[in-house]
Amino acid sequence: MNNKSLKRWTFLDTINASLLIIVVLFMLDFENNATVSWILLAVFAFWIVTVIFRNVFISKVLKDPDHPMHQQQTGDKNNSKD
């Protein structure tokens, strides 16, 4: 069982954000390569949506003390259910 807490922003998210900036600045070309540009935008949009949903999920876990992952997220070892 994995006992690591979920993180709102990870190292992989930092890499994805950097790649997004590079793609937006240098690689999007709708006139000459529209298909690749739309695919890149779709991939980064999917990543942004997953980051948002992960943050919403973490917020719900933190607000609900009865959630099975609440203790794991808060690091509270004294609040265990027996």
PDB file of N, CA and C in Angstrom:
ATOM      1  N   MET A   1       0.837  -1.178   0.000  1.00  0.00           N
ATOM      2  CA  MET A   1       0.000   0.000   0.000  1.00  0.00           C
ATOM      3  C   MET A   1       0.883   1.243   0.000  1.00  0.00           C
ATOM      4  N   ASN A   2       0.534   2.207  -0.808  1.00  0.00           N
ATOM      5  CA  ASN A   2       1.287   3.447  -0.919  1.00  0.00           C
ATOM      6  C   ASN A   2       0.772   4.441   0.111  1.00  0.00           C
ATOM      7  N   ASN A   3       1.632   4.872   1.026  1.00  0.00           N
ATOM      8  CA  ASN A   3       1.223   5.793   2.075  1.00  0.00           C
ATOM      9  C   ASN A   3       1.690   7.217   1.821  1.00  0.00           C
ATOM     10  N   LYS A   4       2.074   7.545   0.608  1.00  0.00           N
ATOM     11  CA  LYS A   4       2.490   8.898   0.289  1.00  0.00           C
ATOM     12  C   LYS A   4       1.265   9.780   0.115  1.00  0.00           C
ATOM     13  N   SER A   5       1.387  11.021   0.564  1.00  0.00           N
ATOM     14  CA  SER A   5       0.287  11.956   0.359  1.00  0.00           C
ATOM     15  C   SER A   5       0.348  12.516  -1.056  1.00  0.00           C
ATOM     16  N   LEU A   6      -0.797  12.938  -1.548  1.00  0.00           N
ATOM     17  CA  LEU A   6      -0.864  13.541  -2.878  1.00  0.00           C
ATOM     18  C   LEU A   6      -0.286  14.949  -2.824  1.00  0.00           C
ATOM     19  N   LYS A   7       0.354  15.351  -3.891  1.00  0.00           N
ATOM     20  CA  LYS A   7       0.935  16.691  -3.952  1.00  0.00           C
ATOM     21  C   LYS A   7       0.167  17.523  -4.965  1.00  0.00           C
ATOM     22  N   ARG A   8       0.017  18.796  -4.652  1.00  0.00           N
ATOM     23  CA  ARG A   8      -0.696  19.692  -5.553  1.00  0.00           C
ATOM     24  C   ARG A   8       0.125  20.000  -6.801  1.00  0.00           C
ATOM     25  N   TRP A   9       1.431  20.068  -6.677  1.00  0.00           N
ATOM     26  CA  TRP A   9       2.305  20.373  -7.801  1.00  0.00           C
ATOM     27  C   TRP A   9       3.530  19.485  -7.673  1.00  0.00           C
ATOM     28  N   THR A  10       3.870  18.760  -8.725  1.00  0.00           N
ATOM     29  CA  THR A  10       4.991  17.830  -8.679  1.00  0.00           C
ATOM     30  C   THR A  10       6.095  18.289  -9.624  1.00  0.00           C
ATOM     31  N   PHE A  11       7.212  17.599  -9.568  1.00  0.00           N
ATOM     32  CA  PHE A  11       8.329  17.889 -10.460  1.00  0.00           C
ATOM     33  C   PHE A  11       7.914  17.690 -11.916  1.00  0.00           C
ATOM     34  N   LEU A  12       7.113  16.682 -12.179  1.00  0.00           N
ATOM     35  CA  LEU A  12       6.630  16.438 -13.545  1.00  0.00           C
ATOM     36  C   LEU A  12       5.754  17.593 -14.033  1.00  0.00           C
ATOM     37  N   ASP A  13       4.980  18.174 -13.141  1.00  0.00           N
ATOM     38  CA  ASP A  13       4.175  19.341 -13.516  1.00  0.00           C
ATOM     39  C   ASP A  13       5.059  20.528 -13.877  1.00  0.00           C
ATOM     40  N   THR A  14       6.172  20.676 -13.189  1.00  0.00           N
ATOM     41  CA  THR A  14       7.108  21.755 -13.506  1.00  0.00           C
ATOM     42  C   THR A  14       7.702  21.557 -14.904  1.00  0.00           C
ATOM     43  N   ILE A  15       8.049  20.329 -15.220  1.00  0.00           N
ATOM     44  CA  ILE A  15       8.572  20.031 -16.558  1.00  0.00           C
ATOM     45  C   ILE A  15       7.501  20.302 -17.615  1.00  0.00           C
ATOM     46  N   ASN A  16       6.273  19.877 -17.351  1.00  0.00           N
ATOM     47  CA  ASN A  16       5.185  20.113 -18.305  1.00  0.00           C
ATOM     48  C   ASN A  16       4.917  21.603 -18.497  1.00  0.00           C
ATOM     49  N   ALA A  17       4.976  22.373 -17.431  1.00  0.00           N
ATOM     50  CA  ALA A  17       4.756  23.814 -17.548  1.00  0.00           C
ATOM     51  C   ALA A  17       5.863  24.459 -18.378  1.00  0.00           C
ATOM     52  N   SER A  18       7.086  24.013 -18.173  1.00  0.00           N
ATOM     53  CA  SER A  18       8.205  24.532 -18.974  1.00  0.00           C
ATOM     54  C   SER A  18       8.031  24.188 -20.444  1.00  0.00           C
ATOM     55  N   LEU A  19       7.637  22.960 -20.716  1.00  0.00           N
ATOM     56  CA  LEU A  19       7.399  22.554 -22.114  1.00  0.00           C
ATOM     57  C   LEU A  19       6.248  23.329 -22.734  1.00  0.00           C
ATOM     58  N   LEU A  20       5.223  23.612 -21.946  1.00  0.00           N
ATOM     59  CA  LEU A  20       4.095  24.397 -22.446  1.00  0.00           C
ATOM     60  C   LEU A  20       4.562  25.784 -22.878  1.00  0.00           C
ATOM     61  N   ILE A  21       5.389  26.412 -22.076  1.00  0.00           N
ATOM     62  CA  ILE A  21       5.899  27.745 -22.426  1.00  0.00           C
ATOM     63  C   ILE A  21       6.721  27.681 -23.704  1.00  0.00           C
ATOM     64  N   ILE A  22       7.572  26.680 -23.818  1.00  0.00           N
ATOM     65  CA  ILE A  22       8.399  26.536 -25.026  1.00  0.00           C
ATOM     66  C   ILE A  22       7.525  26.297 -26.255  1.00  0.00           C
ATOM     67  N   VAL A  23       6.526  25.438 -26.111  1.00  0.00           N
ATOM     68  CA  VAL A  23       5.634  25.144 -27.246  1.00  0.00           C
ATOM     69  C   VAL A  23       4.865  26.388 -27.663  1.00  0.00           C
ATOM     70  N   VAL A  24       4.342  27.119 -26.699  1.00  0.00           N
ATOM     71  CA  VAL A  24       3.556  28.310 -27.035  1.00  0.00           C
ATOM     72  C   VAL A  24       4.434  29.375 -27.701  1.00  0.00           C
ATOM     73  N   LEU A  25       5.650  29.526 -27.205  1.00  0.00           N
ATOM     74  CA  LEU A  25       6.518  30.566 -27.760  1.00  0.00           C
ATOM     75  C   LEU A  25       7.124  30.205 -29.111  1.00  0.00           C
ATOM     76  N   PHE A  26       7.481  28.936 -29.317  1.00  0.00           N
ATOM     77  CA  PHE A  26       8.302  28.601 -30.474  1.00  0.00           C
ATOM     78  C   PHE A  26       7.722  27.571 -31.437  1.00  0.00           C
ATOM     79  N   MET A  27       6.773  26.765 -31.015  1.00  0.00           N
ATOM     80  CA  MET A  27       6.393  25.636 -31.855  1.00  0.00           C
ATOM     81  C   MET A  27       5.003  25.721 -32.466  1.00  0.00           C
ATOM     82  N   LEU A  28       4.125  26.541 -31.934  1.00  0.00           N
ATOM     83  CA  LEU A  28       2.785  26.617 -32.505  1.00  0.00           C
ATOM     84  C   LEU A  28       2.817  27.405 -33.805  1.00  0.00           C
ATOM     85  N   ASP A  29       2.340  26.766 -34.843  1.00  0.00           N
ATOM     86  CA  ASP A  29       2.307  27.396 -36.163  1.00  0.00           C
ATOM     87  C   ASP A  29       1.051  26.894 -36.868  1.00  0.00           C
ATOM     88  N   PHE A  30      -0.030  27.634 -36.723  1.00  0.00           N
ATOM     89  CA  PHE A  30      -1.299  27.184 -37.276  1.00  0.00           C
ATOM     90  C   PHE A  30      -1.375  27.344 -38.797  1.00  0.00           C
ATOM     91  N   GLU A  31      -0.526  28.155 -39.360  1.00  0.00           N
ATOM     92  CA  GLU A  31      -0.557  28.344 -40.810  1.00  0.00           C
ATOM     93  C   GLU A  31       0.120  27.197 -41.551  1.00  0.00           C
ATOM     94  N   ASN A  32       1.271  26.749 -41.055  1.00  0.00           N
ATOM     95  CA  ASN A  32       2.024  25.713 -41.756  1.00  0.00           C
ATOM     96  C   ASN A  32       1.814  24.316 -41.192  1.00  0.00           C
ATOM     97  N   ASN A  33       1.515  24.211 -39.920  1.00  0.00           N
ATOM     98  CA  ASN A  33       1.403  22.910 -39.265  1.00  0.00           C
ATOM     99  C   ASN A  33       0.231  22.911 -38.284  1.00  0.00           C
ATOM    100  N   ALA A  34      -0.946  23.099 -38.785  1.00  0.00           N
ATOM    101  CA  ALA A  34      -2.125  23.264 -37.934  1.00  0.00           C
ATOM    102  C   ALA A  34      -2.438  21.998 -37.133  1.00  0.00           C
ATOM    103  N   THR A  35      -2.298  20.830 -37.726  1.00  0.00           N
ATOM    104  CA  THR A  35      -2.644  19.587 -37.036  1.00  0.00           C
ATOM    105  C   THR A  35      -1.766  19.360 -35.819  1.00  0.00           C
ATOM    106  N   VAL A  36      -0.484  19.529 -35.959  1.00  0.00           N
ATOM    107  CA  VAL A  36       0.436  19.343 -34.836  1.00  0.00           C
ATOM    108  C   VAL A  36       0.165  20.393 -33.765  1.00  0.00           C
ATOM    109  N   SER A  37      -0.125  21.610 -34.168  1.00  0.00           N
ATOM    110  CA  SER A  37      -0.414  22.672 -33.206  1.00  0.00           C
ATOM    111  C   SER A  37      -1.655  22.340 -32.387  1.00  0.00           C
ATOM    112  N   TRP A  38      -2.701  21.848 -33.044  1.00  0.00           N
ATOM    113  CA  TRP A  38      -3.926  21.488 -32.316  1.00  0.00           C
ATOM    114  C   TRP A  38      -3.692  20.295 -31.392  1.00  0.00           C
ATOM    115  N   ILE A  39      -2.902  19.329 -31.838  1.00  0.00           N
ATOM    116  CA  ILE A  39      -2.603  18.168 -30.989  1.00  0.00           C
ATOM    117  C   ILE A  39      -1.831  18.603 -29.751  1.00  0.00           C
ATOM    118  N   LEU A  40      -0.834  19.463 -29.934  1.00  0.00           N
ATOM    119  CA  LEU A  40      -0.068  19.961 -28.780  1.00  0.00           C
ATOM    120  C   LEU A  40      -0.961  20.730 -27.815  1.00  0.00           C
ATOM    121  N   LEU A  41      -1.835  21.556 -28.333  1.00  0.00           N
ATOM    122  CA  LEU A  41      -2.760  22.284 -27.459  1.00  0.00           C
ATOM    123  C   LEU A  41      -3.691  21.337 -26.709  1.00  0.00           C
ATOM    124  N   ALA A  42      -4.158  20.300 -27.374  1.00  0.00           N
ATOM    125  CA  ALA A  42      -5.042  19.335 -26.724  1.00  0.00           C
ATOM    126  C   ALA A  42      -4.321  18.576 -25.605  1.00  0.00           C
ATOM    127  N   VAL A  43      -3.087  18.199 -25.845  1.00  0.00           N
ATOM    128  CA  VAL A  43      -2.305  17.480 -24.821  1.00  0.00           C
ATOM    129  C   VAL A  43      -2.091  18.358 -23.604  1.00  0.00           C
ATOM    130  N   PHE A  44      -1.707  19.605 -23.820  1.00  0.00           N
ATOM    131  CA  PHE A  44      -1.476  20.490 -22.679  1.00  0.00           C
ATOM    132  C   PHE A  44      -2.778  20.870 -21.983  1.00  0.00           C
ATOM    133  N   ALA A  45      -3.864  20.965 -22.715  1.00  0.00           N
ATOM    134  CA  ALA A  45      -5.163  21.218 -22.084  1.00  0.00           C
ATOM    135  C   ALA A  45      -5.552  20.050 -21.187  1.00  0.00           C
ATOM    136  N   PHE A  46      -5.316  18.835 -21.637  1.00  0.00           N
ATOM    137  CA  PHE A  46      -5.600  17.656 -20.811  1.00  0.00           C
ATOM    138  C   PHE A  46      -4.759  17.679 -19.532  1.00  0.00           C
ATOM    139  N   TRP A  47      -3.490  18.048 -19.652  1.00  0.00           N
ATOM    140  CA  TRP A  47      -2.623  18.126 -18.474  1.00  0.00           C
ATOM    141  C   TRP A  47      -3.140  19.183 -17.492  1.00  0.00           C
ATOM    142  N   ILE A  48      -3.534  20.342 -17.990  1.00  0.00           N
ATOM    143  CA  ILE A  48      -4.034  21.407 -17.120  1.00  0.00           C
ATOM    144  C   ILE A  48      -5.302  20.960 -16.395  1.00  0.00           C
ATOM    145  N   VAL A  49      -6.188  20.276 -17.111  1.00  0.00           N
ATOM    146  CA  VAL A  49      -7.427  19.783 -16.489  1.00  0.00           C
ATOM    147  C   VAL A  49      -7.106  18.768 -15.395  1.00  0.00           C
ATOM    148  N   THR A  50      -6.138  17.880 -15.625  1.00  0.00           N
ATOM    149  CA  THR A  50      -5.798  16.902 -14.587  1.00  0.00           C
ATOM    150  C   THR A  50      -5.188  17.576 -13.366  1.00  0.00           C
ATOM    151  N   VAL A  51      -4.394  18.622 -13.554  1.00  0.00           N
ATOM    152  CA  VAL A  51      -3.837  19.355 -12.409  1.00  0.00           C
ATOM    153  C   VAL A  51      -4.960  20.016 -11.612  1.00  0.00           C
ATOM    154  N   ILE A  52      -5.914  20.608 -12.297  1.00  0.00           N
ATOM    155  CA  ILE A  52      -7.043  21.250 -11.612  1.00  0.00           C
ATOM    156  C   ILE A  52      -7.859  20.224 -10.853  1.00  0.00           C
ATOM    157  N   PHE A  53      -8.194  19.095 -11.488  1.00  0.00           N
ATOM    158  CA  PHE A  53      -8.989  18.073 -10.806  1.00  0.00           C
ATOM    159  C   PHE A  53      -8.238  17.449  -9.637  1.00  0.00           C
ATOM    160  N   ARG A  54      -6.923  17.299  -9.755  1.00  0.00           N
ATOM    161  CA  ARG A  54      -6.133  16.772  -8.636  1.00  0.00           C
ATOM    162  C   ARG A  54      -6.199  17.723  -7.446  1.00  0.00           C
ATOM    163  N   ASN A  55      -6.117  19.025  -7.702  1.00  0.00           N
ATOM    164  CA  ASN A  55      -6.198  20.006  -6.625  1.00  0.00           C
ATOM    165  C   ASN A  55      -7.589  20.045  -5.991  1.00  0.00           C
ATOM    166  N   VAL A  56      -8.622  19.904  -6.800  1.00  0.00           N
ATOM    167  CA  VAL A  56      -9.987  19.843  -6.264  1.00  0.00           C
ATOM    168  C   VAL A  56     -10.146  18.608  -5.388  1.00  0.00           C
ATOM    169  N   PHE A  57      -9.629  17.473  -5.842  1.00  0.00           N
ATOM    170  CA  PHE A  57      -9.717  16.236  -5.063  1.00  0.00           C
ATOM    171  C   PHE A  57      -8.978  16.369  -3.733  1.00  0.00           C
ATOM    172  N   ILE A  58      -7.783  16.937  -3.756  1.00  0.00           N
ATOM    173  CA  ILE A  58      -7.017  17.113  -2.526  1.00  0.00           C
ATOM    174  C   ILE A  58      -7.768  18.026  -1.564  1.00  0.00           C
ATOM    175  N   SER A  59      -8.381  19.084  -2.067  1.00  0.00           N
ATOM    176  CA  SER A  59      -9.154  19.985  -1.214  1.00  0.00           C
ATOM    177  C   SER A  59     -10.327  19.268  -0.567  1.00  0.00           C
ATOM    178  N   LYS A  60     -11.014  18.419  -1.334  1.00  0.00           N
ATOM    179  CA  LYS A  60     -12.135  17.656  -0.770  1.00  0.00           C
ATOM    180  C   LYS A  60     -11.661  16.699   0.305  1.00  0.00           C
ATOM    181  N   VAL A  61     -10.534  16.049   0.088  1.00  0.00           N
ATOM    182  CA  VAL A  61      -9.988  15.113   1.077  1.00  0.00           C
ATOM    183  C   VAL A  61      -9.630  15.858   2.359  1.00  0.00           C
ATOM    184  N   LEU A  62      -9.022  17.014   2.230  1.00  0.00           N
ATOM    185  CA  LEU A  62      -8.614  17.773   3.406  1.00  0.00           C
ATOM    186  C   LEU A  62      -9.801  18.322   4.190  1.00  0.00           C
ATOM    187  N   LYS A  63     -10.894  18.630   3.508  1.00  0.00           N
ATOM    188  CA  LYS A  63     -12.078  19.181   4.175  1.00  0.00           C
ATOM    189  C   LYS A  63     -12.939  18.111   4.838  1.00  0.00           C
ATOM    190  N   ASP A  64     -12.829  16.859   4.404  1.00  0.00           N
ATOM    191  CA  ASP A  64     -13.678  15.779   4.911  1.00  0.00           C
ATOM    192  C   ASP A  64     -12.873  14.853   5.818  1.00  0.00           C
ATOM    193  N   PRO A  65     -13.036  14.983   7.145  1.00  0.00           N
ATOM    194  CA  PRO A  65     -12.261  14.125   8.053  1.00  0.00           C
ATOM    195  C   PRO A  65     -12.665  12.649   7.987  1.00  0.00           C
ATOM    196  N   ASP A  66     -13.801  12.342   7.395  1.00  0.00           N
ATOM    197  CA  ASP A  66     -14.241  10.952   7.277  1.00  0.00           C
ATOM    198  C   ASP A  66     -13.734  10.276   6.012  1.00  0.00           C
ATOM    199  N   HIS A  67     -13.079  11.030   5.147  1.00  0.00           N
ATOM    200  CA  HIS A  67     -12.552  10.449   3.913  1.00  0.00           C
ATOM    201  C   HIS A  67     -11.404   9.492   4.253  1.00  0.00           C
ATOM    202  N   PRO A  68     -11.327   8.335   3.581  1.00  0.00           N
ATOM    203  CA  PRO A  68     -10.272   7.356   3.896  1.00  0.00           C
ATOM    204  C   PRO A  68      -8.849   7.895   3.731  1.00  0.00           C
ATOM    205  N   MET A  69      -8.655   8.884   2.891  1.00  0.00           N
ATOM    206  CA  MET A  69      -7.315   9.421   2.669  1.00  0.00           C
ATOM    207  C   MET A  69      -7.006  10.648   3.519  1.00  0.00           C
ATOM    208  N   HIS A  70      -7.957  11.093   4.347  1.00  0.00           N
ATOM    209  CA  HIS A  70      -7.765  12.322   5.124  1.00  0.00           C
ATOM    210  C   HIS A  70      -6.555  12.230   6.055  1.00  0.00           C
ATOM    211  N   GLN A  71      -6.460  11.154   6.788  1.00  0.00           N
ATOM    212  CA  GLN A  71      -5.354  10.985   7.728  1.00  0.00           C
ATOM    213  C   GLN A  71      -4.017  10.968   6.994  1.00  0.00           C
ATOM    214  N   GLN A  72      -3.980  10.302   5.874  1.00  0.00           N
ATOM    215  CA  GLN A  72      -2.762  10.202   5.064  1.00  0.00           C
ATOM    216  C   GLN A  72      -2.360  11.575   4.510  1.00  0.00           C
ATOM    217  N   GLN A  73      -3.325  12.382   4.073  1.00  0.00           N
ATOM    218  CA  GLN A  73      -3.029  13.695   3.511  1.00  0.00           C
ATOM    219  C   GLN A  73      -2.571  14.691   4.563  1.00  0.00           C
ATOM    220  N   THR A  74      -3.195  14.652   5.731  1.00  0.00           N
ATOM    221  CA  THR A  74      -2.852  15.631   6.762  1.00  0.00           C
ATOM    222  C   THR A  74      -1.650  15.207   7.579  1.00  0.00           C
ATOM    223  N   GLY A  75      -1.299  13.931   7.528  1.00  0.00           N
ATOM    224  CA  GLY A  75      -0.170  13.450   8.309  1.00  0.00           C
ATOM    225  C   GLY A  75      -0.516  13.296   9.770  1.00  0.00           C
ATOM    226  N   ASP A  76      -1.793  13.319  10.098  1.00  0.00           N
ATOM    227  CA  ASP A  76      -2.257  13.218  11.483  1.00  0.00           C
ATOM    228  C   ASP A  76      -2.351  11.757  11.867  1.00  0.00           C
ATOM    229  N   LYS A  77      -1.433  11.294  12.694  1.00  0.00           N
ATOM    230  CA  LYS A  77      -1.421   9.889  13.109  1.00  0.00           C
ATOM    231  C   LYS A  77      -2.297   9.668  14.352  1.00  0.00           C
ATOM    232  N   ASN A  78      -2.666  10.744  15.039  1.00  0.00           N
ATOM    233  CA  ASN A  78      -3.471  10.612  16.257  1.00  0.00           C
ATOM    234  C   ASN A  78      -4.960  10.532  15.945  1.00  0.00           C
ATOM    235  N   ASN A  79      -5.357  10.829  14.752  1.00  0.00           N
ATOM    236  CA  ASN A  79      -6.766  10.853  14.379  1.00  0.00           C
ATOM    237  C   ASN A  79      -7.179   9.581  13.663  1.00  0.00           C
ATOM    238  N   SER A  80      -6.694   8.439  14.132  1.00  0.00           N
ATOM    239  CA  SER A  80      -7.022   7.173  13.466  1.00  0.00           C
ATOM    240  C   SER A  80      -8.340   6.638  13.991  1.00  0.00           C
ATOM    241  N   LYS A  81      -9.050   5.946  13.106  1.00  0.00           N
ATOM    242  CA  LYS A  81     -10.309   5.320  13.483  1.00  0.00           C
ATOM    243  C   LYS A  81     -10.046   3.912  13.968  1.00  0.00           C
ATOM    244  N   ASP A  82     -10.517   3.584  15.133  1.00  0.00           N
ATOM    245  CA  ASP A  82     -10.359   2.236  15.672  1.00  0.00           C
ATOM    246  C   ASP A  82     -11.688   1.552  15.856  1.00  0.00           C
TER     247      ASP A  82
END
